N, C-alpha and C. Protein backbone atom coordinates (compact mmCIF):
# COMPACT_ATOMS: atom_id res chain seq x y z
N MET A 1 109.00 128.07 123.61
CA MET A 1 109.52 126.99 124.82
C MET A 1 107.94 126.82 125.31
N LEU A 2 107.96 125.69 125.86
CA LEU A 2 107.05 125.23 126.85
C LEU A 2 106.95 125.81 128.43
N THR A 3 106.01 126.31 128.49
CA THR A 3 105.72 126.98 129.75
C THR A 3 104.35 126.35 130.93
N MET A 4 104.23 126.99 131.90
CA MET A 4 103.11 126.52 132.71
C MET A 4 101.98 126.64 132.07
N GLU A 5 101.80 127.76 131.08
CA GLU A 5 100.80 128.11 130.67
C GLU A 5 100.48 127.02 129.47
N HIS A 6 101.32 126.59 128.93
CA HIS A 6 101.13 125.47 128.06
C HIS A 6 100.54 123.98 128.86
N ILE A 7 101.17 123.94 129.85
CA ILE A 7 100.36 122.72 130.60
C ILE A 7 99.20 123.04 130.79
N ARG A 8 98.78 124.02 131.10
CA ARG A 8 97.30 124.20 131.34
C ARG A 8 96.49 124.47 130.01
N LYS A 9 97.46 124.68 129.03
CA LYS A 9 96.56 124.75 127.74
C LYS A 9 97.23 123.61 126.82
N PRO A 10 96.85 122.57 126.78
CA PRO A 10 97.51 121.30 126.05
C PRO A 10 97.29 122.01 124.56
N LEU A 11 96.30 122.43 123.89
CA LEU A 11 96.05 122.83 122.42
C LEU A 11 97.21 123.47 122.36
N ALA A 12 97.42 124.94 123.11
CA ALA A 12 98.65 125.65 122.92
C ALA A 12 99.73 125.07 122.58
N ALA A 13 99.98 123.89 123.69
CA ALA A 13 101.50 123.29 123.75
C ALA A 13 101.44 122.62 122.40
N ARG A 14 100.34 121.73 122.03
CA ARG A 14 100.56 121.15 120.92
C ARG A 14 100.88 122.08 119.46
N GLN A 15 100.43 122.85 119.59
CA GLN A 15 100.59 124.11 118.31
C GLN A 15 101.96 124.48 118.48
N ALA A 16 102.48 125.00 119.59
CA ALA A 16 103.87 125.37 119.73
C ALA A 16 104.90 124.24 119.25
N LEU A 17 104.33 122.90 119.94
CA LEU A 17 105.32 121.80 119.27
C LEU A 17 105.29 121.71 117.67
N THR A 18 104.15 121.66 117.14
CA THR A 18 103.82 121.52 115.56
C THR A 18 104.96 122.77 115.02
N ARG A 19 104.86 123.99 115.51
CA ARG A 19 105.51 124.94 114.75
C ARG A 19 107.01 124.84 115.00
N SER A 20 107.54 124.25 116.11
CA SER A 20 108.91 123.61 116.43
C SER A 20 109.45 122.86 115.26
N GLU A 21 108.44 121.52 115.08
CA GLU A 21 108.75 120.79 114.14
C GLU A 21 108.77 121.13 112.83
N ALA A 22 107.93 122.24 112.56
CA ALA A 22 107.94 122.77 110.93
C ALA A 22 109.27 123.58 111.04
N VAL A 23 109.91 124.40 112.03
CA VAL A 23 111.09 125.00 111.78
C VAL A 23 112.28 123.77 111.86
N LEU A 24 112.31 123.11 112.54
CA LEU A 24 113.24 121.73 112.69
C LEU A 24 113.34 121.35 111.30
N GLN A 25 111.71 120.87 110.37
CA GLN A 25 111.97 120.32 109.65
C GLN A 25 112.82 121.20 108.34
N LYS A 26 112.62 122.41 108.37
CA LYS A 26 113.08 123.31 107.46
C LYS A 26 114.49 123.49 107.34
N SER A 27 114.80 123.58 108.89
CA SER A 27 116.33 123.61 109.31
C SER A 27 117.35 122.42 108.55
N GLN A 28 116.61 121.39 108.88
CA GLN A 28 117.10 120.12 108.18
C GLN A 28 117.05 120.19 106.79
N ASP A 29 116.00 120.51 106.14
CA ASP A 29 116.03 120.75 104.56
C ASP A 29 117.37 121.63 104.14
N ILE A 30 117.30 122.65 104.78
CA ILE A 30 118.42 123.75 104.44
C ILE A 30 119.88 123.06 104.47
N THR A 31 120.04 122.37 106.03
CA THR A 31 121.24 121.57 105.94
C THR A 31 121.78 120.69 105.08
N GLU A 32 120.59 120.07 104.57
CA GLU A 32 120.58 118.79 103.75
C GLU A 32 121.18 119.27 102.36
N GLU A 33 120.27 120.75 102.14
CA GLU A 33 120.78 121.25 100.43
C GLU A 33 122.43 121.70 100.66
N ALA A 34 122.78 122.54 101.80
CA ALA A 34 124.02 123.04 101.58
C ALA A 34 125.13 121.45 101.54
N ASP A 35 124.84 120.81 102.61
CA ASP A 35 125.85 119.60 102.41
C ASP A 35 125.66 119.08 100.90
N SER A 36 124.93 119.00 100.25
CA SER A 36 124.86 118.42 99.00
C SER A 36 125.72 119.28 98.23
N ALA A 37 125.63 120.86 98.29
CA ALA A 37 126.21 121.65 97.53
C ALA A 37 127.79 121.70 97.69
N LEU A 38 127.93 121.47 99.22
CA LEU A 38 129.41 121.45 99.48
C LEU A 38 130.10 120.04 99.01
N ARG A 39 129.33 119.20 98.57
CA ARG A 39 129.71 117.84 98.20
C ARG A 39 130.22 117.95 96.52
N ASN A 40 129.34 118.69 96.32
CA ASN A 40 129.17 119.13 94.36
C ASN A 40 130.64 120.06 94.24
N ALA A 41 130.71 121.03 95.00
CA ALA A 41 131.86 121.66 94.87
C ALA A 41 133.07 121.34 95.03
N MET A 42 133.39 120.13 96.23
CA MET A 42 134.57 119.41 96.39
C MET A 42 134.57 118.72 95.25
N VAL A 43 133.84 118.15 94.69
CA VAL A 43 134.02 117.19 93.64
C VAL A 43 134.66 117.78 92.23
N ARG A 44 133.90 119.11 91.98
CA ARG A 44 134.61 119.97 91.24
C ARG A 44 135.78 120.47 91.06
N LEU A 45 136.47 120.42 92.59
CA LEU A 45 137.89 120.81 92.82
C LEU A 45 138.82 120.19 92.56
N LYS A 46 138.54 118.97 92.74
CA LYS A 46 139.67 117.71 92.47
C LYS A 46 140.01 117.90 91.13
């Protein structure tokens, strides 16, 4: 989370943002894999 400390330290803020983006990307990848697996399972159940 960005704080007053981050406002005073732009580099720390940028690093925190980069970490957040990496976590978000990983989460999106996992969601896409799960979505694909669910679709495949539904096709097999038909």
